[in-house]
Every structure is written in structure tokens, then in C-alpha cells.
C-alpha atoms as a PDB file:
ATOM      1  CA  MET A   1     -14.218  -3.546  12.420  1.00  0.00           C
ATOM      2  CA  VAL A   2     -14.157  -2.677   8.837  1.00  0.00           C
ATOM      3  CA  GLY A   3     -12.306   0.581   9.360  1.00  0.00           C
ATOM      4  CA  LEU A   4      -9.949  -0.905  11.582  1.00  0.00           C
ATOM      5  CA  ALA A   5      -9.113  -4.256   9.711  1.00  0.00           C
ATOM      6  CA  TRP A   6      -8.536  -1.695   6.379  1.00  0.00           C
ATOM      7  CA  HIS A   7      -6.538   0.660   8.304  1.00  0.00           C
ATOM      8  CA  THR A   8      -4.654  -2.515  10.050  1.00  0.00           C
ATOM      9  CA  GLY A   9      -4.056  -3.537   6.290  1.00  0.00           C
ATOM     10  CA  THR A  10      -2.405  -0.699   5.110  1.00  0.00           C
ATOM     11  CA  MET A  11      -0.351  -0.677   7.696  1.00  0.00           C
ATOM     12  CA  ALA A  12       0.985  -4.208   6.717  1.00  0.00           C
ATOM     13  CA  ALA A  13       1.503  -3.305   3.328  1.00  0.00           C
ATOM     14  CA  SER A  14       3.264   0.241   3.739  1.00  0.00           C
ATOM     15  CA  LEU A  15       5.677  -1.731   6.172  1.00  0.00           C
ATOM     16  CA  ARG A  16       8.159  -2.514   3.331  1.00  0.00           C
ATOM     17  CA  ILE A  17       9.789  -0.873   0.457  1.00  0.00           C
ATOM     18  CA  TYR A  18      11.248  -3.667  -1.375  1.00  0.00           C
ATOM     19  CA  ILE A  19       8.834  -5.330  -3.327  1.00  0.00           C
ATOM     20  CA  GLN A  20      10.090  -9.144  -3.852  1.00  0.00           C
ATOM     21  CA  GLY A  21      10.158 -10.673  -7.039  1.00  0.00           C
ATOM     22  CA  ASP A  22      12.191 -13.037  -9.772  1.00  0.00           C
ATOM     23  CA  THR A  23      11.829 -10.448 -12.544  1.00  0.00           C
ATOM     24  CA  LEU A  24      14.974  -9.533 -14.671  1.00  0.00           C
ATOM     25  CA  ILE A  25      14.881  -6.065 -12.992  1.00  0.00           C
ATOM     26  CA  HIS A  26      15.179  -8.183  -9.749  1.00  0.00           C
ATOM     27  CA  ARG A  27      17.754 -10.365 -10.458  1.00  0.00           C
ATOM     28  CA  ALA A  28      19.947  -7.788 -12.118  1.00  0.00           C
ATOM     29  CA  ASP A  29      23.112  -6.825 -10.332  1.00  0.00           C
ATOM     30  CA  SER A  30      22.715  -3.922  -7.700  1.00  0.00           C
ATOM     31  CA  ARG A  31      25.628  -1.811  -8.617  1.00  0.00           C
ATOM     32  CA  VAL A  32      24.827  -1.775 -12.296  1.00  0.00           C
ATOM     33  CA  LYS A  33      21.439  -0.871 -11.048  1.00  0.00           C
ATOM     34  CA  LEU A  34      22.979   1.845  -9.084  1.00  0.00           C
ATOM     35  CA  VAL A  35      25.559   3.258 -11.899  1.00  0.00           C
ATOM     36  CA  LEU A  36      22.276   3.441 -14.231  1.00  0.00           C
ATOM     37  CA  LEU A  37      20.199   5.126 -11.549  1.00  0.00           C
ATOM     38  CA  LEU A  38      23.549   7.763 -11.806  1.00  0.00           C
ATOM     39  CA  LEU A  39      24.037   7.675 -15.375  1.00  0.00           C
ATOM     40  CA  PHE A  40      19.960   8.190 -15.925  1.00  0.00           C
ATOM     41  CA  SER A  41      19.886  11.081 -13.482  1.00  0.00           C
ATOM     42  CA  VAL A  42      22.661  13.071 -14.984  1.00  0.00           C
ATOM     43  CA  GLY A  43      21.537  12.230 -18.796  1.00  0.00           C
ATOM     44  CA  VAL A  44      17.698  13.480 -18.069  1.00  0.00           C
ATOM     45  CA  PHE A  45      19.080  17.129 -17.272  1.00  0.00           C
ATOM     46  CA  PHE A  46      20.757  17.415 -20.838  1.00  0.00           C
ATOM     47  CA  VAL A  47      17.662  16.801 -22.638  1.00  0.00           C
ATOM     48  CA  ASP A  48      16.046  19.807 -23.989  1.00  0.00           C
ATOM     49  CA  THR A  49      13.644  18.089 -26.279  1.00  0.00           C
ATOM     50  CA  TRP A  50      10.298  16.676 -25.720  1.00  0.00           C
ATOM     51  CA  ARG A  51      11.214  14.173 -28.053  1.00  0.00           C
ATOM     52  CA  GLY A  52      14.086  13.286 -26.120  1.00  0.00           C
ATOM     53  CA  LEU A  53      12.125  13.218 -23.157  1.00  0.00           C
ATOM     54  CA  GLY A  54       9.959  10.839 -24.463  1.00  0.00           C
ATOM     55  CA  LEU A  55      12.724   8.185 -24.929  1.00  0.00           C
ATOM     56  CA  TYR A  56      13.288   8.620 -21.232  1.00  0.00           C
ATOM     57  CA  SER A  57      10.014   8.431 -20.292  1.00  0.00           C
ATOM     58  CA  LEU A  58       9.881   4.894 -22.345  1.00  0.00           C
ATOM     59  CA  SER A  59      12.705   3.666 -21.124  1.00  0.00           C
ATOM     60  CA  VAL A  60      11.314   4.168 -17.269  1.00  0.00           C
ATOM     61  CA  ALA A  61       7.864   2.596 -18.198  1.00  0.00           C
ATOM     62  CA  ALA A  62       9.955  -0.106 -19.919  1.00  0.00           C
ATOM     63  CA  VAL A  63      11.683  -1.016 -16.760  1.00  0.00           C
ATOM     64  CA  VAL A  64       8.084  -0.246 -14.188  1.00  0.00           C
ATOM     65  CA  VAL A  65       6.687  -3.135 -16.455  1.00  0.00           C
ATOM     66  CA  THR A  66       9.342  -5.435 -16.450  1.00  0.00           C
ATOM     67  CA  GLY A  67       9.898  -5.364 -13.039  1.00  0.00           C
ATOM     68  CA  ARG A  68       5.913  -5.517 -12.285  1.00  0.00           C
ATOM     69  CA  MET A  69       5.843  -2.802 -10.189  1.00  0.00           C
ATOM     70  CA  PRO A  70       2.526  -1.879  -8.691  1.00  0.00           C
ATOM     71  CA  LEU A  71       1.125   1.584 -10.482  1.00  0.00           C
ATOM     72  CA  ALA A  72      -1.279   2.172  -7.626  1.00  0.00           C
ATOM     73  CA  ARG A  73       1.865   2.337  -5.341  1.00  0.00           C
ATOM     74  CA  LEU A  74       4.036   3.966  -7.516  1.00  0.00           C
ATOM     75  CA  GLY A  75       1.270   6.961  -7.940  1.00  0.00           C
ATOM     76  CA  ALA A  76       0.718   6.959  -3.991  1.00  0.00           C
ATOM     77  CA  LEU A  77       4.162   7.646  -3.191  1.00  0.00           C
ATOM     78  CA  SER A  78       4.808  10.247  -5.569  1.00  0.00           C
ATOM     79  CA  LEU A  79       1.604  12.205  -4.465  1.00  0.00           C
ATOM     80  CA  PRO A  80       3.253  14.904  -2.580  1.00  0.00           C
ATOM     81  CA  LEU A  81       5.929  15.673  -5.299  1.00  0.00           C
ATOM     82  CA  VAL A  82       3.327  16.098  -7.584  1.00  0.00           C
ATOM     83  CA  VAL A  83       1.501  18.162  -5.651  1.00  0.00           C
ATOM     84  CA  LEU A  84       4.295  20.397  -5.434  1.00  0.00           C
ATOM     85  CA  LEU A  85       5.082  19.998  -8.966  1.00  0.00           C
ATOM     86  CA  ALA A  86       1.152  21.121  -9.893  1.00  0.00           C
ATOM     87  CA  PHE A  87       1.884  24.354  -7.632  1.00  0.00           C
ATOM     88  CA  ILE A  88       4.928  25.264  -9.301  1.00  0.00           C
ATOM     89  CA  TRP A  89       3.313  24.479 -12.817  1.00  0.00           C
ATOM     90  CA  VAL A  90       0.604  27.326 -11.872  1.00  0.00           C
ATOM     91  CA  CYS A  91       3.019  29.831 -10.783  1.00  0.00           C
ATOM     92  CA  ASN A  92       4.919  29.556 -13.780  1.00  0.00           C
ATOM     93  CA  ALA A  93       1.693  28.949 -16.010  1.00  0.00           C
ATOM     94  CA  PHE A  94      -0.170  32.118 -15.043  1.00  0.00           C
ATOM     95  CA  THR A  95       1.130  35.479 -14.703  1.00  0.00           C
ATOM     96  CA  PHE A  96      -0.461  38.461 -13.266  1.00  0.00           C
ATOM     97  CA  ASP A  97       1.674  40.955 -15.536  1.00  0.00           C
ATOM     98  CA  VAL A  98       0.830  39.698 -18.889  1.00  0.00           C
ATOM     99  CA  GLY A  99       2.692  42.739 -20.609  1.00  0.00           C
ATOM    100  CA  SER A 100       5.602  42.335 -19.350  1.00  0.00           C
ATOM    101  CA  LEU A 101       6.248  38.446 -20.309  1.00  0.00           C
ATOM    102  CA  ALA A 102       4.805  39.738 -24.143  1.00  0.00           C
ATOM    103  CA  GLU A 103       7.970  42.436 -23.775  1.00  0.00           C
ATOM    104  CA  SER A 104      10.405  40.235 -22.600  1.00  0.00           C
ATOM    105  CA  GLY A 105       9.352  37.021 -24.568  1.00  0.00           C
ATOM    106  CA  LEU A 106      10.449  33.665 -23.759  1.00  0.00           C
ATOM    107  CA  GLY A 107      12.187  31.047 -25.951  1.00  0.00           C
ATOM    108  CA  GLY A 108      13.515  27.576 -25.947  1.00  0.00           C
ATOM    109  CA  VAL A 109      12.726  24.152 -27.256  1.00  0.00           C
ATOM    110  CA  SER A 110      11.442  22.855 -24.197  1.00  0.00           C
ATOM    111  CA  ALA A 111       8.210  24.991 -24.664  1.00  0.00           C
ATOM    112  CA  GLY A 112       7.587  22.668 -27.606  1.00  0.00           C
ATOM    113  CA  PHE A 113       4.688  23.580 -29.631  1.00  0.00           C
ATOM    114  CA  ALA A 114       3.946  26.382 -27.658  1.00  0.00           C
ATOM    115  CA  GLU A 115       7.285  27.872 -28.597  1.00  0.00           C
ATOM    116  CA  GLY A 116       6.615  31.849 -29.665  1.00  0.00           C
ATOM    117  CA  TRP A 117       3.274  31.554 -28.412  1.00  0.00           C
ATOM    118  CA  GLN A 118       2.424  34.885 -26.716  1.00  0.00           C
ATOM    119  CA  PRO A 119       0.535  35.284 -23.198  1.00  0.00           C
ATOM    120  CA  VAL A 120      -3.126  35.495 -23.491  1.00  0.00           C
ATOM    121  CA  ALA A 121      -4.647  37.954 -21.352  1.00  0.00           C
ATOM    122  CA  LEU A 122      -7.621  36.566 -19.272  1.00  0.00           C
ATOM    123  CA  ALA A 123      -8.847  39.277 -16.903  1.00  0.00           C
ATOM    124  CA  GLY A 124      -6.894  42.531 -16.929  1.00  0.00           C
ATOM    125  CA  THR A 125      -3.270  41.707 -16.727  1.00  0.00           C
ATOM    126  CA  PHE A 126      -4.196  38.442 -15.283  1.00  0.00           C
ATOM    127  CA  GLY A 127      -3.430  35.633 -18.043  1.00  0.00           C
ATOM    128  CA  PHE A 128      -2.141  32.414 -19.666  1.00  0.00           C
ATOM    129  CA  VAL A 129       1.327  31.630 -20.411  1.00  0.00           C
ATOM    130  CA  PRO A 130       1.358  28.659 -22.658  1.00  0.00           C
ATOM    131  CA  GLN A 131       5.267  29.001 -22.945  1.00  0.00           C
ATOM    132  CA  GLY A 132       5.703  29.366 -19.254  1.00  0.00           C
ATOM    133  CA  CYS A 133       3.087  26.374 -19.008  1.00  0.00           C
ATOM    134  CA  MET A 134       5.230  24.033 -21.152  1.00  0.00           C
ATOM    135  CA  PHE A 135       8.460  25.149 -19.623  1.00  0.00           C
ATOM    136  CA  ALA A 136       7.520  24.191 -16.080  1.00  0.00           C
ATOM    137  CA  LEU A 137       5.440  20.614 -17.329  1.00  0.00           C
ATOM    138  CA  PHE A 138       9.113  19.732 -19.177  1.00  0.00           C
ATOM    139  CA  TYR A 139      10.848  20.035 -15.659  1.00  0.00           C
ATOM    140  CA  ALA A 140       8.174  18.734 -13.839  1.00  0.00           C
ATOM    141  CA  VAL A 141       8.349  15.518 -15.745  1.00  0.00           C
ATOM    142  CA  ARG A 142      12.106  15.480 -15.886  1.00  0.00           C
ATOM    143  CA  ILE A 143      11.785  15.620 -11.678  1.00  0.00           C
ATOM    144  CA  LEU A 144       9.141  13.053 -11.985  1.00  0.00           C
ATOM    145  CA  LEU A 145      11.393  10.671 -14.032  1.00  0.00           C
ATOM    146  CA  ILE A 146      14.174  10.495 -11.699  1.00  0.00           C
ATOM    147  CA  LEU A 147      11.725   9.988  -8.520  1.00  0.00           C
ATOM    148  CA  TRP A 148      10.168   7.005 -10.715  1.00  0.00           C
ATOM    149  CA  ALA A 149      13.926   5.854 -11.541  1.00  0.00           C
ATOM    150  CA  SER A 150      14.708   6.151  -7.890  1.00  0.00           C
ATOM    151  CA  PHE A 151      11.685   3.945  -7.067  1.00  0.00           C
ATOM    152  CA  ALA A 152      12.237   0.878  -9.651  1.00  0.00           C
ATOM    153  CA  VAL A 153      15.651   0.734  -7.978  1.00  0.00           C
ATOM    154  CA  SER A 154      14.256   0.926  -4.177  1.00  0.00           C
ATOM    155  CA  PHE A 155      11.539  -1.652  -5.187  1.00  0.00           C
ATOM    156  CA  THR A 156      13.673  -4.324  -6.733  1.00  0.00           C
ATOM    157  CA  THR A 157      16.709  -4.028  -4.449  1.00  0.00           C
ATOM    158  CA  SER A 158      16.640  -5.344  -1.145  1.00  0.00           C
ATOM    159  CA  VAL A 159      18.404  -2.535   1.548  1.00  0.00           C
ATOM    160  CA  GLU A 160      21.338  -5.033   2.292  1.00  0.00           C
ATOM    161  CA  ALA A 161      21.682  -5.133  -1.582  1.00  0.00           C
ATOM    162  CA  LEU A 162      22.065  -1.580  -1.909  1.00  0.00           C
ATOM    163  CA  THR A 163      24.401  -1.217   0.679  1.00  0.00           C
ATOM    164  CA  GLY A 164      26.671  -3.990  -0.386  1.00  0.00           C
ATOM    165  CA  ALA A 165      26.744  -2.476  -3.980  1.00  0.00           C
ATOM    166  CA  PHE A 166      27.587   1.248  -2.279  1.00  0.00           C
ATOM    167  CA  ALA A 167      30.546  -0.425  -0.410  1.00  0.00           C
ATOM    168  CA  SER A 168      31.354  -2.553  -3.228  1.00  0.00           C
ATOM    169  CA  LEU A 169      31.289   0.867  -5.321  1.00  0.00           C
ATOM    170  CA  MET A 170      33.453   2.999  -3.152  1.00  0.00           C
ATOM    171  CA  ARG A 171      36.036   0.200  -2.047  1.00  0.00           C
ATOM    172  CA  PRO A 172      39.267   1.751  -3.809  1.00  0.00           C
ATOM    173  CA  LEU A 173      38.166   5.237  -1.042  1.00  0.00           C
ATOM    174  CA  ARG A 174      39.276   2.682   1.565  1.00  0.00           C
ATOM    175  CA  ALA A 175      42.742   3.635   0.759  1.00  0.00           C
ATOM    176  CA  ILE A 176      42.302   7.034   1.563  1.00  0.00           C
ATOM    177  CA  ARG A 177      40.608   6.158   4.961  1.00  0.00           C
ATOM    178  CA  VAL A 178      36.981   7.135   3.808  1.00  0.00           C
ATOM    179  CA  PRO A 179      34.520   5.396   6.382  1.00  0.00           C
ATOM    180  CA  VAL A 180      32.729   3.691   3.425  1.00  0.00           C
ATOM    181  CA  ASP A 181      30.723   1.570   5.414  1.00  0.00           C
ATOM    182  CA  ASP A 182      29.126   4.649   6.886  1.00  0.00           C
ATOM    183  CA  ALA A 183      29.024   6.765   3.279  1.00  0.00           C
ATOM    184  CA  ALA A 184      27.305   3.232   2.182  1.00  0.00           C
ATOM    185  CA  THR A 185      24.486   3.299   4.683  1.00  0.00           C
ATOM    186  CA  MET A 186      24.040   6.689   4.191  1.00  0.00           C
ATOM    187  CA  LEU A 187      23.694   6.682   0.349  1.00  0.00           C
ATOM    188  CA  SER A 188      21.309   3.560   0.629  1.00  0.00           C
ATOM    189  CA  LEU A 189      18.989   5.720   2.937  1.00  0.00           C
ATOM    190  CA  ALA A 190      19.353   8.396   0.728  1.00  0.00           C
ATOM    191  CA  VAL A 191      18.050   6.474  -2.284  1.00  0.00           C
ATOM    192  CA  ARG A 192      15.100   5.663  -0.617  1.00  0.00           C
ATOM    193  CA  PHE A 193      14.823   8.720   1.197  1.00  0.00           C
ATOM    194  CA  ILE A 194      11.392   9.454  -0.343  1.00  0.00           C
ATOM    195  CA  PRO A 195       9.652   6.146  -0.589  1.00  0.00           C
ATOM    196  CA  LEU A 196      10.280   5.489   2.875  1.00  0.00           C
ATOM    197  CA  THR A 197       9.179   8.954   3.964  1.00  0.00           C
ATOM    198  CA  ALA A 198       5.917   8.332   2.131  1.00  0.00           C
ATOM    199  CA  GLU A 199       5.451   5.115   3.643  1.00  0.00           C
ATOM    200  CA  GLU A 200       6.157   6.302   6.974  1.00  0.00           C
ATOM    201  CA  LEU A 201       3.589   8.948   6.598  1.00  0.00           C
ATOM    202  CA  ALA A 202       0.820   6.683   5.603  1.00  0.00           C
ATOM    203  CA  LEU A 203       1.657   4.360   8.105  1.00  0.00           C
ATOM    204  CA  VAL A 204       1.366   7.152  10.890  1.00  0.00           C
ATOM    205  CA  ARG A 205      -1.834   8.187   9.373  1.00  0.00           C
ATOM    206  CA  SER A 206      -3.103   4.779   9.463  1.00  0.00           C
ATOM    207  CA  ALA A 207      -2.037   4.083  13.102  1.00  0.00           C
ATOM    208  CA  GLN A 208      -3.584   7.412  14.257  1.00  0.00           C
ATOM    209  CA  THR A 209      -6.722   6.827  12.386  1.00  0.00           C
ATOM    210  CA  ALA A 210      -7.484   3.224  13.854  1.00  0.00           C
ATOM    211  CA  ARG A 211      -6.682   4.704  17.067  1.00  0.00           C
ATOM    212  CA  GLY A 212      -9.659   6.999  16.581  1.00  0.00           C
ATOM    213  CA  ALA A 213      -7.815  10.652  16.068  1.00  0.00           C
ATOM    214  CA  ARG A 214      -9.390  12.926  13.302  1.00  0.00           C
ATOM    215  CA  LEU A 215      -6.934  14.356  10.955  1.00  0.00           C
ATOM    216  CA  ARG A 216      -9.643  16.516   9.423  1.00  0.00           C
ATOM    217  CA  TYR A 217      -8.173  20.608   8.581  1.00  0.00           C
ATOM    218  CA  LEU A 218      -9.737  22.012  11.959  1.00  0.00           C
ATOM    219  CA  ALA A 219      -8.788  18.853  14.115  1.00  0.00           C
ATOM    220  CA  ALA A 220      -5.427  19.553  13.045  1.00  0.00           C
ATOM    221  CA  LEU A 221      -5.036  23.170  13.761  1.00  0.00           C
ATOM    222  CA  VAL A 222      -5.982  22.237  17.577  1.00  0.00           C
ATOM    223  CA  ARG A 223      -3.557  19.741  17.740  1.00  0.00           C
ATOM    224  CA  LEU A 224      -0.855  22.210  16.367  1.00  0.00           C
ATOM    225  CA  SER A 225      -2.340  25.064  18.701  1.00  0.00           C
ATOM    226  CA  HIS A 226      -1.110  22.240  21.242  1.00  0.00           C
ATOM    227  CA  GLY A 227       2.559  22.122  19.716  1.00  0.00           C
ATOM    228  CA  THR A 228       1.757  18.405  18.455  1.00  0.00           C
ATOM    229  CA  HIS A 229       0.469  16.932  15.109  1.00  0.00           C
ATOM    230  CA  PRO A 230      -0.824  13.555  14.854  1.00  0.00           C
ATOM    231  CA  LEU A 231       1.955  13.177  11.991  1.00  0.00           C
ATOM    232  CA  ASP A 232       5.230  13.949  14.006  1.00  0.00           C
ATOM    233  CA  SER A 233       5.945  10.669  14.913  1.00  0.00           C
ATOM    234  CA  ALA A 234       6.725  10.227  10.733  1.00  0.00           C
ATOM    235  CA  LEU A 235       9.826  12.527  10.885  1.00  0.00           C
ATOM    236  CA  VAL A 236      10.948  10.327  14.163  1.00  0.00           C
ATOM    237  CA  SER A 237      10.450   7.334  12.358  1.00  0.00           C
ATOM    238  CA  PRO A 238      13.285   7.629   9.795  1.00  0.00           C
ATOM    239  CA  ARG A 239      15.552   8.315  12.567  1.00  0.00           C
ATOM    240  CA  ARG A 240      15.058   5.176  14.393  1.00  0.00           C
ATOM    241  CA  HIS A 241      15.468   3.373  11.225  1.00  0.00           C
ATOM    242  CA  PHE A 242      18.441   4.417  10.700  1.00  0.00           C
ATOM    243  CA  LYS A 243      19.912   3.657  13.891  1.00  0.00           C
ATOM    244  CA  ARG A 244      18.702   0.476  13.727  1.00  0.00           C
ATOM    245  CA  PHE A 245      19.620  -0.009  10.385  1.00  0.00           C
ATOM    246  CA  HIS A 246      23.105   1.332  10.900  1.00  0.00           C
ATOM    247  CA  GLY A 247      24.244  -0.896  13.194  1.00  0.00           C
ATOM    248  CA  GLY A 248      22.958  -3.817  11.366  1.00  0.00           C
ATOM    249  CA  ALA A 249      24.771  -2.962   7.835  1.00  0.00           C
ATOM    250  CA  LEU A 250      27.850  -2.496   9.945  1.00  0.00           C
ATOM    251  CA  LEU A 251      27.404  -6.002  10.999  1.00  0.00           C
ATOM    252  CA  TRP A 252      26.236  -7.382   8.127  1.00  0.00           C
ATOM    253  CA  LEU A 253      28.915  -5.341   5.983  1.00  0.00           C
ATOM    254  CA  HIS A 254      32.230  -6.602   8.230  1.00  0.00           C
ATOM    255  CA  PRO A 255      34.262  -8.997   6.734  1.00  0.00           C
ATOM    256  CA  ALA A 256      34.033 -11.763   9.059  1.00  0.00           C
ATOM    257  CA  ASN A 257      30.297 -12.039   7.790  1.00  0.00           C
ATOM    258  CA  GLN A 258      31.075 -11.927   4.254  1.00  0.00           C
ATOM    259  CA  PRO A 259      30.905 -15.210   1.857  1.00  0.00           C
END
């Protein structure tokens, strides 16, 4: 019963991405948040120094603290991407051909303090690449900052406000017959895609576990051999969300329903 209650609580906590609040970030205009998110996402890729990346990191940290966003939830939703970025980091930090890298050389301010360091042989031709390690870490931090910035918008802005903001920003495109309402709906879901998918995976996993499903490695292989998997419905749920939300958003965006 305790396990069932825990999974039920997890499911209830996973039903909403938007976190209600009355902070400065919550009260900010949705259009302003979207424009700042766009500028942040573009600007972070023009930074090529650790000092500049540190300034962007401080700005994200300030938004997270000001918006009172739960760090545990941010970390849990970031975990799948962190695993992928960790794999990329390993591929760049280690090599099976130290000699070729030592001859070709690496450079760039993104390597930070490791700039100019030569690969270190660990066992035969296998070795550690200090500059590759710092390069991969630099780009991983870039991607994580963009992810957390999108979380900051998703956690502090309701889906209706996001859709309305996109529709407002793209309103001039109506003159050339662009389906602004449909585009606004898709963009709103795109901003929330990663947190929405992560929440769906947690929800489906909790539901399957509460029903007694075994999600261990061997059990998953057995399910896959029969053409099914306990998390299959996680791929169906976002589509169902889109159909349900699309109809409601179009109704809400209709001129007759606007204040």
C-alpha cells in the first residue's frame, strides 16, 4: 500500500508542468518571456569563453531562484539529456588514437585552462584528451542552459498564456494568410516538448509499476521480444495531449472569446 500511495503521489505531481505562483517571473508578460528566451538561446551560442558562459549561467540561476522553481524537479527532467551529454563528453574526453590527436592539435578559448594541453596516454594508444574534455563540457553546459531557460518559461507560464503570446507575436502574419492559431499551438507545445515528454515517461512508469509491471532490464527485453514495451503509451500520450489541447486552444483564441 505504501508503494502504491507513493506512485499515486508521483503521478499526481507529474500531471502539470506549469507551477502556479506569484513571483516576478510568473507575473512577467508571456510575450516578453518568449522574446527573452529566443534572445538567450541565440546569444548563448555566440559565447566562446567560460567567463561569458558563466554570466549566462548566473542569469539562469537568478531566474530559477526568483521564480522559486523546484531544483529536484529541474534535475529529474534534465536527467535524460544529462545522460546523453555525458556520453558525448566521454567520446570527446577519451580517444583510442592519442598520437594522431597530438599531431593534429586542438585549440580554442573554449578549452579554458586546458588550452594547449596535449593528450595523455593511459594505456597504449588509449588516452585522455584534456582539451576535448573541456570542449565537450563547454557545449554541454550551453545546451543545458537553453534547456533550463525553456523550463523557466514552461514552469512559470500556463499553456494558454504561451499560446496567446505566440499568437500575439505572429499576428502580423495573418495578413499573408499564415495559420497563426495553428502555428501558435505547435510552438507552445514545442517549447514544452522536453518537460512534457519527461513528465509523460514518469507518469507512465508510475502507472505501470503501480499495476505490478516489472520495468527491470530483463523484463523490458521480454516485452520488446513480444513487440511491446511498458513505456509505449508515453509516445501516444503527447499526441493525445496535442489533439485535446489544439481544439481547446483554437476555441480560446477565437476573437469572440477574447476579453
